[in-house]
Amino acid sequence: MSALEWYAHKSLGDGIFWIQERFYESGNRANIWLVRGSEQDVVIDTGLGLRSLPEYLYSSGLLQDRGAKEDAARRPLLAVATHVHFDHSGGLYQFDRVAVHHAEAEALARGDNFETVTWLSDSEVVRAPSPGWRARQFRVQAVQPTLILQDGDVINLGDRQLTVMHMPGHSRGSICLHDKDRKILFSGDVVYDGSLIDWLPYSRISDYVGTCERLIELVDRGLVEKVLPGHFNTFGAERLFRLASNYISKAGICHKVSTFAVRSLASLALRVTNSRTSP
């Protein structure tokens, strides 16, 4: 299967494109965002990486200026992982320039498929990307980041800037990217319009509460009008406020106890699964 078949995209305007893996039918299917700038383009998350995402970006013309010649000079392309979970980081190995938060840089560099919570089944991939492909073969490949991110860093695209916000809770290195001028938040799995996951091996409820408080502050200060999340559909500031507030209100002792039990089971299952699939 070609990259042009595997991916699909739509334009949201203002240099932003929403890309998805067509034949990965799962609640874990991540949104891939392309943000174009005057001096640099950025891909936010890369999906599973079962087909070449860079090939798709170039072949579909997404990285070419309207009216430009095919041999025109290309802008630098940076792939940024909002976190290293497999559904977001699987395609990072396809890019020459890769950025990730420092808290998860070592896990990515060593290809730690426990921390990437690799969990993929044949039933979720409804068309095999290549003959004989099986989900048990899938691994997040080790990638040496070329850019280590910290809270407050700014990724300069020329005519727009994306500010890094370290927002742990879902994972220890989760980030959001904030386009302050346009009041757009690329939120990864920090927040999306669904049940927020805080029971994975490196999830931490106390961190998540602090992150949600920070999200509420963004809304209260009028700094976010649109959220482009890691899963499902986009939403606005009112929904962001509600999602963050609801998480805080439910993060009591009962939630912590039940989450501890689920995390223990999930960690055991991930260790068993990834020990079986190790080379």
C-alpha atoms as a PDB file:
ATOM      1  CA  MET A   1       0.000   0.000   0.000  1.00  0.00           C
ATOM      2  CA  SER A   2       1.331   3.431  -0.897  1.00  0.00           C
ATOM      3  CA  ALA A   3       1.612   6.345   1.500  1.00  0.00           C
ATOM      4  CA  LEU A   4      -0.956   8.221  -0.592  1.00  0.00           C
ATOM      5  CA  GLU A   5      -3.454   5.434   0.125  1.00  0.00           C
ATOM      6  CA  TRP A   6      -2.626   5.045   3.807  1.00  0.00           C
ATOM      7  CA  TYR A   7      -3.068   8.692   4.840  1.00  0.00           C
ATOM      8  CA  ALA A   8      -5.755  11.286   4.240  1.00  0.00           C
ATOM      9  CA  HIS A   9      -5.882  14.969   5.110  1.00  0.00           C
ATOM     10  CA  LYS A  10      -8.007  18.066   5.162  1.00  0.00           C
ATOM     11  CA  SER A  11      -7.094  21.703   5.432  1.00  0.00           C
ATOM     12  CA  LEU A  12      -8.221  23.761   8.410  1.00  0.00           C
ATOM     13  CA  GLY A  13      -6.926  26.938   6.789  1.00  0.00           C
ATOM     14  CA  ASP A  14      -4.126  29.270   7.882  1.00  0.00           C
ATOM     15  CA  GLY A  15      -1.440  26.707   7.037  1.00  0.00           C
ATOM     16  CA  ILE A  16      -2.803  23.912   9.269  1.00  0.00           C
ATOM     17  CA  PHE A  17      -3.611  20.426   7.955  1.00  0.00           C
ATOM     18  CA  TRP A  18      -5.277  17.539   9.787  1.00  0.00           C
ATOM     19  CA  ILE A  19      -3.870  14.150   8.762  1.00  0.00           C
ATOM     20  CA  GLN A  20      -5.079  10.670   9.748  1.00  0.00           C
ATOM     21  CA  GLU A  21      -4.188   7.046   9.052  1.00  0.00           C
ATOM     22  CA  ARG A  22      -7.196   5.811   7.085  1.00  0.00           C
ATOM     23  CA  PHE A  23      -6.930   2.098   7.822  1.00  0.00           C
ATOM     24  CA  TYR A  24      -6.090   2.276  11.510  1.00  0.00           C
ATOM     25  CA  GLU A  25      -9.610   2.098  12.932  1.00  0.00           C
ATOM     26  CA  SER A  26      -9.227   2.479  16.657  1.00  0.00           C
ATOM     27  CA  GLY A  27      -9.893   4.901  19.456  1.00  0.00           C
ATOM     28  CA  ASN A  28      -6.106   5.077  19.655  1.00  0.00           C
ATOM     29  CA  ARG A  29      -5.794   6.536  16.161  1.00  0.00           C
ATOM     30  CA  ALA A  30      -3.959   9.791  16.697  1.00  0.00           C
ATOM     31  CA  ASN A  31      -4.444  13.063  14.904  1.00  0.00           C
ATOM     32  CA  ILE A  32      -1.394  14.228  12.982  1.00  0.00           C
ATOM     33  CA  TRP A  33      -1.064  17.979  12.487  1.00  0.00           C
ATOM     34  CA  LEU A  34       1.002  19.760   9.864  1.00  0.00           C
ATOM     35  CA  VAL A  35       1.684  23.421  10.603  1.00  0.00           C
ATOM     36  CA  ARG A  36       3.309  25.366   7.804  1.00  0.00           C
ATOM     37  CA  GLY A  37       5.472  28.391   8.412  1.00  0.00           C
ATOM     38  CA  SER A  38       7.382  30.873   6.302  1.00  0.00           C
ATOM     39  CA  GLU A  39      10.758  29.465   7.397  1.00  0.00           C
ATOM     40  CA  GLN A  40      10.010  26.027   8.836  1.00  0.00           C
ATOM     41  CA  ASP A  41       7.201  23.438   8.751  1.00  0.00           C
ATOM     42  CA  VAL A  42       6.278  21.328  11.774  1.00  0.00           C
ATOM     43  CA  VAL A  43       4.573  17.949  12.001  1.00  0.00           C
ATOM     44  CA  ILE A  44       2.952  17.424  15.387  1.00  0.00           C
ATOM     45  CA  ASP A  45       2.857  13.679  16.124  1.00  0.00           C
ATOM     46  CA  THR A  46       3.454  11.041  13.474  1.00  0.00           C
ATOM     47  CA  GLY A  47       1.013   8.174  14.013  1.00  0.00           C
ATOM     48  CA  LEU A  48       2.095   4.540  13.808  1.00  0.00           C
ATOM     49  CA  GLY A  49       4.534   5.039  10.967  1.00  0.00           C
ATOM     50  CA  LEU A  50       3.360   1.992   9.006  1.00  0.00           C
ATOM     51  CA  ARG A  51       3.745   3.951   5.760  1.00  0.00           C
ATOM     52  CA  SER A  52       6.072   6.887   5.076  1.00  0.00           C
ATOM     53  CA  LEU A  53       4.573  10.108   6.377  1.00  0.00           C
ATOM     54  CA  PRO A  54       7.275  12.314   4.775  1.00  0.00           C
ATOM     55  CA  GLU A  55       6.552  10.651   1.434  1.00  0.00           C
ATOM     56  CA  TYR A  56       2.876  11.467   1.855  1.00  0.00           C
ATOM     57  CA  LEU A  57       3.568  15.081   2.782  1.00  0.00           C
ATOM     58  CA  TYR A  58       5.719  15.626  -0.291  1.00  0.00           C
ATOM     59  CA  SER A  59       3.702  13.509  -2.757  1.00  0.00           C
ATOM     60  CA  SER A  60       0.404  15.130  -1.786  1.00  0.00           C
ATOM     61  CA  GLY A  61       1.863  18.608  -2.221  1.00  0.00           C
ATOM     62  CA  LEU A  62       1.273  19.642   1.379  1.00  0.00           C
ATOM     63  CA  LEU A  63       4.798  21.007   1.707  1.00  0.00           C
ATOM     64  CA  GLN A  64       4.782  22.881  -1.585  1.00  0.00           C
ATOM     65  CA  ASP A  65       3.778  26.506  -1.863  1.00  0.00           C
ATOM     66  CA  ARG A  66       0.943  27.224  -4.244  1.00  0.00           C
ATOM     67  CA  GLY A  67       2.371  28.059  -7.659  1.00  0.00           C
ATOM     68  CA  ALA A  68       5.890  27.024  -6.708  1.00  0.00           C
ATOM     69  CA  LYS A  69       7.965  24.859  -9.013  1.00  0.00           C
ATOM     70  CA  GLU A  70       8.458  21.230  -8.014  1.00  0.00           C
ATOM     71  CA  ASP A  71      12.209  21.737  -7.664  1.00  0.00           C
ATOM     72  CA  ALA A  72      11.789  24.817  -5.465  1.00  0.00           C
ATOM     73  CA  ALA A  73      13.823  24.823  -2.246  1.00  0.00           C
ATOM     74  CA  ARG A  74      12.079  23.068   0.599  1.00  0.00           C
ATOM     75  CA  ARG A  75      11.747  24.530   4.066  1.00  0.00           C
ATOM     76  CA  PRO A  76      13.185  22.570   7.000  1.00  0.00           C
ATOM     77  CA  LEU A  77      10.734  20.023   8.403  1.00  0.00           C
ATOM     78  CA  LEU A  78      10.612  19.241  12.141  1.00  0.00           C
ATOM     79  CA  ALA A  79       8.648  16.359  13.693  1.00  0.00           C
ATOM     80  CA  VAL A  80       7.506  17.100  17.249  1.00  0.00           C
ATOM     81  CA  ALA A  81       6.142  14.392  19.535  1.00  0.00           C
ATOM     82  CA  THR A  82       3.600  15.600  22.072  1.00  0.00           C
ATOM     83  CA  HIS A  83       4.637  12.442  23.943  1.00  0.00           C
ATOM     84  CA  VAL A  84       6.191   9.093  23.046  1.00  0.00           C
ATOM     85  CA  HIS A  85       3.159   6.790  23.202  1.00  0.00           C
ATOM     86  CA  PHE A  86       3.172   4.457  20.206  1.00  0.00           C
ATOM     87  CA  ASP A  87       0.157   5.931  18.424  1.00  0.00           C
ATOM     88  CA  HIS A  88       1.906   9.317  18.310  1.00  0.00           C
ATOM     89  CA  SER A  89       5.584   8.401  17.964  1.00  0.00           C
ATOM     90  CA  GLY A  90       5.666   5.374  15.671  1.00  0.00           C
ATOM     91  CA  GLY A  91       6.620   7.439  12.627  1.00  0.00           C
ATOM     92  CA  LEU A  92       9.327   9.580  14.211  1.00  0.00           C
ATOM     93  CA  TYR A  93      12.086   7.369  12.786  1.00  0.00           C
ATOM     94  CA  GLN A  94      11.126   8.574   9.293  1.00  0.00           C
ATOM     95  CA  PHE A  95      12.220  12.163  10.012  1.00  0.00           C
ATOM     96  CA  ASP A  96      15.704  13.679  10.093  1.00  0.00           C
ATOM     97  CA  ARG A  97      14.775  16.275  12.722  1.00  0.00           C
ATOM     98  CA  VAL A  98      12.852  15.124  15.791  1.00  0.00           C
ATOM     99  CA  ALA A  99      11.860  17.002  18.949  1.00  0.00           C
ATOM    100  CA  VAL A 100      10.565  15.579  22.236  1.00  0.00           C
ATOM    101  CA  HIS A 101      10.375  16.731  25.845  1.00  0.00           C
ATOM    102  CA  HIS A 102      13.466  15.886  27.877  1.00  0.00           C
ATOM    103  CA  ALA A 103      11.476  13.690  30.312  1.00  0.00           C
ATOM    104  CA  GLU A 104      10.856  11.145  27.544  1.00  0.00           C
ATOM    105  CA  ALA A 105      13.939  11.659  25.368  1.00  0.00           C
ATOM    106  CA  GLU A 106      15.825   8.688  26.805  1.00  0.00           C
ATOM    107  CA  ALA A 107      12.854   6.345  26.396  1.00  0.00           C
ATOM    108  CA  LEU A 108      12.608   7.332  22.737  1.00  0.00           C
ATOM    109  CA  ALA A 109      16.349   6.998  22.198  1.00  0.00           C
ATOM    110  CA  ARG A 110      16.413   3.432  23.510  1.00  0.00           C
ATOM    111  CA  GLY A 111      13.145   2.352  21.873  1.00  0.00           C
ATOM    112  CA  ASP A 112      11.465   1.587  25.203  1.00  0.00           C
ATOM    113  CA  ASN A 113       8.191  -0.016  24.126  1.00  0.00           C
ATOM    114  CA  PHE A 114       7.017  -0.249  27.722  1.00  0.00           C
ATOM    115  CA  GLU A 115       7.080   3.517  28.103  1.00  0.00           C
ATOM    116  CA  THR A 116       5.608   3.951  24.619  1.00  0.00           C
ATOM    117  CA  VAL A 117       2.764   1.657  25.837  1.00  0.00           C
ATOM    118  CA  THR A 118       2.851  -0.257  22.550  1.00  0.00           C
ATOM    119  CA  TRP A 119      -0.429  -2.140  22.239  1.00  0.00           C
ATOM    120  CA  LEU A 120      -1.682  -2.898  18.742  1.00  0.00           C
ATOM    121  CA  SER A 121      -3.952  -5.643  17.405  1.00  0.00           C
ATOM    122  CA  ASP A 122      -4.535  -6.999  13.903  1.00  0.00           C
ATOM    123  CA  SER A 123      -8.239  -6.108  14.133  1.00  0.00           C
ATOM    124  CA  GLU A 124      -7.448  -2.399  14.468  1.00  0.00           C
ATOM    125  CA  VAL A 125      -5.547  -2.298  11.165  1.00  0.00           C
ATOM    126  CA  VAL A 126      -8.289  -3.083   8.669  1.00  0.00           C
ATOM    127  CA  ARG A 127      -5.987  -3.134   5.636  1.00  0.00           C
ATOM    128  CA  ALA A 128      -2.454  -4.428   5.978  1.00  0.00           C
ATOM    129  CA  PRO A 129       0.101  -1.768   5.016  1.00  0.00           C
ATOM    130  CA  SER A 130       2.258  -4.433   3.364  1.00  0.00           C
ATOM    131  CA  PRO A 131       1.856  -8.135   2.472  1.00  0.00           C
ATOM    132  CA  GLY A 132       2.131 -10.408   5.482  1.00  0.00           C
ATOM    133  CA  TRP A 133       2.148  -7.568   8.007  1.00  0.00           C
ATOM    134  CA  ARG A 134       1.032  -8.501  11.535  1.00  0.00           C
ATOM    135  CA  ALA A 135       0.494  -6.275  14.545  1.00  0.00           C
ATOM    136  CA  ARG A 136       2.792  -8.403  16.707  1.00  0.00           C
ATOM    137  CA  GLN A 137       5.667  -7.212  14.523  1.00  0.00           C
ATOM    138  CA  PHE A 138       5.055  -3.572  15.367  1.00  0.00           C
ATOM    139  CA  ARG A 139       7.566  -1.732  17.506  1.00  0.00           C
ATOM    140  CA  VAL A 140       8.313   1.923  18.110  1.00  0.00           C
ATOM    141  CA  GLN A 141      11.805   2.251  16.739  1.00  0.00           C
ATOM    142  CA  ALA A 142      14.582   3.908  18.702  1.00  0.00           C
ATOM    143  CA  VAL A 143      15.117   7.508  17.621  1.00  0.00           C
ATOM    144  CA  GLN A 144      17.794   9.913  18.812  1.00  0.00           C
ATOM    145  CA  PRO A 145      16.067  13.289  19.215  1.00  0.00           C
ATOM    146  CA  THR A 146      17.785  16.201  17.540  1.00  0.00           C
ATOM    147  CA  LEU A 147      15.996  18.745  19.738  1.00  0.00           C
ATOM    148  CA  ILE A 148      15.237  18.300  23.438  1.00  0.00           C
ATOM    149  CA  LEU A 149      12.329  20.440  24.576  1.00  0.00           C
ATOM    150  CA  GLN A 150      11.718  22.176  27.891  1.00  0.00           C
ATOM    151  CA  ASP A 151       8.744  24.135  29.193  1.00  0.00           C
ATOM    152  CA  GLY A 152       8.762  27.630  27.728  1.00  0.00           C
ATOM    153  CA  ASP A 153      10.819  26.801  24.651  1.00  0.00           C
ATOM    154  CA  VAL A 154       9.639  28.450  21.441  1.00  0.00           C
ATOM    155  CA  ILE A 155       9.652  26.677  18.079  1.00  0.00           C
ATOM    156  CA  ASN A 156      10.039  29.398  15.470  1.00  0.00           C
ATOM    157  CA  LEU A 157       8.341  28.771  12.119  1.00  0.00           C
ATOM    158  CA  GLY A 158       9.067  32.286  10.877  1.00  0.00           C
ATOM    159  CA  ASP A 159       5.625  33.825  10.680  1.00  0.00           C
ATOM    160  CA  ARG A 160       4.328  31.894  13.675  1.00  0.00           C
ATOM    161  CA  GLN A 161       5.732  30.593  16.928  1.00  0.00           C
ATOM    162  CA  LEU A 162       4.737  27.541  18.948  1.00  0.00           C
ATOM    163  CA  THR A 163       5.428  27.735  22.681  1.00  0.00           C
ATOM    164  CA  VAL A 164       6.155  24.467  24.478  1.00  0.00           C
ATOM    165  CA  MET A 165       4.077  23.810  27.590  1.00  0.00           C
ATOM    166  CA  HIS A 166       5.142  20.825  29.686  1.00  0.00           C
ATOM    167  CA  MET A 167       1.847  19.291  30.827  1.00  0.00           C
ATOM    168  CA  PRO A 168       2.529  15.976  32.615  1.00  0.00           C
ATOM    169  CA  GLY A 169      -0.156  13.639  33.899  1.00  0.00           C
ATOM    170  CA  HIS A 170      -1.098  11.459  30.939  1.00  0.00           C
ATOM    171  CA  SER A 171       2.618  10.779  30.560  1.00  0.00           C
ATOM    172  CA  ARG A 172       5.634  12.329  32.214  1.00  0.00           C
ATOM    173  CA  GLY A 173       6.804  14.137  29.088  1.00  0.00           C
ATOM    174  CA  SER A 174       3.479  15.256  27.636  1.00  0.00           C
ATOM    175  CA  ILE A 175       3.463  18.691  26.066  1.00  0.00           C
ATOM    176  CA  CYS A 176       1.078  21.128  24.447  1.00  0.00           C
ATOM    177  CA  LEU A 177       2.152  23.555  21.740  1.00  0.00           C
ATOM    178  CA  HIS A 178       0.571  26.979  22.038  1.00  0.00           C
ATOM    179  CA  ASP A 179       0.221  29.362  19.120  1.00  0.00           C
ATOM    180  CA  LYS A 180      -0.322  32.450  21.249  1.00  0.00           C
ATOM    181  CA  ASP A 181      -0.998  34.867  18.398  1.00  0.00           C
ATOM    182  CA  ARG A 182      -3.767  32.698  16.930  1.00  0.00           C
ATOM    183  CA  LYS A 183      -4.938  31.357  20.323  1.00  0.00           C
ATOM    184  CA  ILE A 184      -4.616  27.766  19.137  1.00  0.00           C
ATOM    185  CA  LEU A 185      -3.566  24.914  21.433  1.00  0.00           C
ATOM    186  CA  PHE A 186      -2.180  21.662  20.009  1.00  0.00           C
ATOM    187  CA  SER A 187      -2.912  19.522  23.038  1.00  0.00           C
ATOM    188  CA  GLY A 188      -1.748  15.985  22.234  1.00  0.00           C
ATOM    189  CA  ASP A 189      -3.230  13.605  24.807  1.00  0.00           C
ATOM    190  CA  VAL A 190      -3.120  16.198  27.566  1.00  0.00           C
ATOM    191  CA  VAL A 191      -6.753  16.910  26.778  1.00  0.00           C
ATOM    192  CA  TYR A 192      -9.194  15.733  24.111  1.00  0.00           C
ATOM    193  CA  ASP A 193     -12.957  15.396  23.963  1.00  0.00           C
ATOM    194  CA  GLY A 194     -13.178  12.042  25.717  1.00  0.00           C
ATOM    195  CA  SER A 195     -12.253  10.263  28.927  1.00  0.00           C
ATOM    196  CA  LEU A 196      -8.755  11.369  29.948  1.00  0.00           C
ATOM    197  CA  ILE A 197      -6.350   8.489  30.574  1.00  0.00           C
ATOM    198  CA  ASP A 198      -4.329   8.630  33.783  1.00  0.00           C
ATOM    199  CA  TRP A 199      -3.747   4.927  34.481  1.00  0.00           C
ATOM    200  CA  LEU A 200      -0.761   4.175  32.263  1.00  0.00           C
ATOM    201  CA  PRO A 201       2.706   3.319  33.676  1.00  0.00           C
ATOM    202  CA  TYR A 202       4.026   6.895  33.785  1.00  0.00           C
ATOM    203  CA  SER A 203       0.715   8.653  34.379  1.00  0.00           C
ATOM    204  CA  ARG A 204       0.375  10.648  37.579  1.00  0.00           C
ATOM    205  CA  ILE A 205      -2.881  12.059  38.898  1.00  0.00           C
ATOM    206  CA  SER A 206      -1.344  14.858  40.962  1.00  0.00           C
ATOM    207  CA  ASP A 207       0.534  16.075  37.894  1.00  0.00           C
ATOM    208  CA  TYR A 208      -2.639  15.863  35.830  1.00  0.00           C
ATOM    209  CA  VAL A 209      -4.524  18.023  38.307  1.00  0.00           C
ATOM    210  CA  GLY A 210      -1.808  20.680  38.045  1.00  0.00           C
ATOM    211  CA  THR A 211      -1.943  20.458  34.264  1.00  0.00           C
ATOM    212  CA  CYS A 212      -5.716  20.900  34.256  1.00  0.00           C
ATOM    213  CA  GLU A 213      -5.383  23.925  36.504  1.00  0.00           C
ATOM    214  CA  ARG A 214      -2.990  25.369  33.960  1.00  0.00           C
ATOM    215  CA  LEU A 215      -5.464  24.673  31.144  1.00  0.00           C
ATOM    216  CA  ILE A 216      -8.195  26.482  33.060  1.00  0.00           C
ATOM    217  CA  GLU A 217      -5.868  29.445  33.518  1.00  0.00           C
ATOM    218  CA  LEU A 218      -5.347  29.616  29.745  1.00  0.00           C
ATOM    219  CA  VAL A 219      -9.105  29.824  29.251  1.00  0.00           C
ATOM    220  CA  ASP A 220      -9.620  32.346  32.043  1.00  0.00           C
ATOM    221  CA  ARG A 221      -6.967  34.608  30.529  1.00  0.00           C
ATOM    222  CA  GLY A 222      -8.498  34.326  27.070  1.00  0.00           C
ATOM    223  CA  LEU A 223      -5.353  32.728  25.622  1.00  0.00           C
ATOM    224  CA  VAL A 224      -7.036  29.772  23.888  1.00  0.00           C
ATOM    225  CA  GLU A 225      -9.967  29.790  21.500  1.00  0.00           C
ATOM    226  CA  LYS A 226      -9.401  26.534  19.614  1.00  0.00           C
ATOM    227  CA  VAL A 227      -7.969  23.168  20.674  1.00  0.00           C
ATOM    228  CA  LEU A 228      -6.487  20.755  18.138  1.00  0.00           C
ATOM    229  CA  PRO A 229      -6.183  17.542  20.169  1.00  0.00           C
ATOM    230  CA  GLY A 230      -4.349  14.255  19.803  1.00  0.00           C
ATOM    231  CA  HIS A 231      -7.581  12.312  19.274  1.00  0.00           C
ATOM    232  CA  PHE A 232     -11.112  12.934  18.050  1.00  0.00           C
ATOM    233  CA  ASN A 233     -12.490  16.313  16.990  1.00  0.00           C
ATOM    234  CA  THR A 234     -11.403  19.877  17.599  1.00  0.00           C
ATOM    235  CA  PHE A 235     -13.207  22.002  20.193  1.00  0.00           C
ATOM    236  CA  GLY A 236     -13.271  25.429  21.760  1.00  0.00           C
ATOM    237  CA  ALA A 237     -12.426  27.187  24.999  1.00  0.00           C
ATOM    238  CA  GLU A 238     -15.720  26.442  26.765  1.00  0.00           C
ATOM    239  CA  ARG A 239     -15.313  22.696  26.220  1.00  0.00           C
ATOM    240  CA  LEU A 240     -11.662  22.887  27.300  1.00  0.00           C
ATOM    241  CA  PHE A 241     -12.684  24.549  30.547  1.00  0.00           C
ATOM    242  CA  ARG A 242     -15.319  21.875  31.207  1.00  0.00           C
ATOM    243  CA  LEU A 243     -13.012  18.939  30.474  1.00  0.00           C
ATOM    244  CA  ALA A 244     -10.275  20.278  32.729  1.00  0.00           C
ATOM    245  CA  SER A 245     -12.694  21.195  35.517  1.00  0.00           C
ATOM    246  CA  ASN A 246     -14.387  17.796  35.391  1.00  0.00           C
ATOM    247  CA  TYR A 247     -11.074  15.994  35.742  1.00  0.00           C
ATOM    248  CA  ILE A 248     -10.107  18.019  38.810  1.00  0.00           C
ATOM    249  CA  SER A 249     -13.482  17.429  40.442  1.00  0.00           C
ATOM    250  CA  LYS A 250     -13.187  13.643  40.012  1.00  0.00           C
ATOM    251  CA  ALA A 251      -9.559  13.267  41.073  1.00  0.00           C
ATOM    252  CA  GLY A 252     -10.296  12.330  44.683  1.00  0.00           C
ATOM    253  CA  ILE A 253      -9.173   9.420  46.829  1.00  0.00           C
ATOM    254  CA  CYS A 254     -11.622   6.919  45.300  1.00  0.00           C
ATOM    255  CA  HIS A 255     -10.371   7.736  41.810  1.00  0.00           C
ATOM    256  CA  LYS A 256      -6.759   7.401  42.946  1.00  0.00           C
ATOM    257  CA  VAL A 257      -7.363   3.976  44.488  1.00  0.00           C
ATOM    258  CA  SER A 258      -9.195   2.589  41.474  1.00  0.00           C
ATOM    259  CA  THR A 259      -6.640   4.055  39.100  1.00  0.00           C
ATOM    260  CA  PHE A 260      -3.781   2.446  41.023  1.00  0.00           C
ATOM    261  CA  ALA A 261      -5.341  -0.972  40.478  1.00  0.00           C
ATOM    262  CA  VAL A 262      -5.887  -0.371  36.769  1.00  0.00           C
ATOM    263  CA  ARG A 263      -2.347   0.981  36.343  1.00  0.00           C
ATOM    264  CA  SER A 264      -0.901  -2.126  37.968  1.00  0.00           C
ATOM    265  CA  LEU A 265      -2.791  -4.407  35.589  1.00  0.00           C
ATOM    266  CA  ALA A 266      -1.935  -2.275  32.565  1.00  0.00           C
ATOM    267  CA  SER A 267       1.751  -2.234  33.484  1.00  0.00           C
ATOM    268  CA  LEU A 268       1.804  -6.018  33.847  1.00  0.00           C
ATOM    269  CA  ALA A 269       0.044  -6.530  30.509  1.00  0.00           C
ATOM    270  CA  LEU A 270       2.404  -4.129  28.737  1.00  0.00           C
ATOM    271  CA  ARG A 271       5.496  -5.810  30.169  1.00  0.00           C
ATOM    272  CA  VAL A 272       4.278  -9.253  29.113  1.00  0.00           C
ATOM    273  CA  THR A 273       3.253  -8.095  25.635  1.00  0.00           C
ATOM    274  CA  ASN A 274       6.421  -6.194  24.916  1.00  0.00           C
ATOM    275  CA  SER A 275       8.689  -8.923  26.258  1.00  0.00           C
ATOM    276  CA  ARG A 276       7.068 -11.299  23.772  1.00  0.00           C
ATOM    277  CA  THR A 277       7.570  -8.913  20.869  1.00  0.00           C
ATOM    278  CA  SER A 278      11.125  -7.938  21.713  1.00  0.00           C
ATOM    279  CA  PRO A 279      13.693  -8.824  19.037  1.00  0.00           C
END
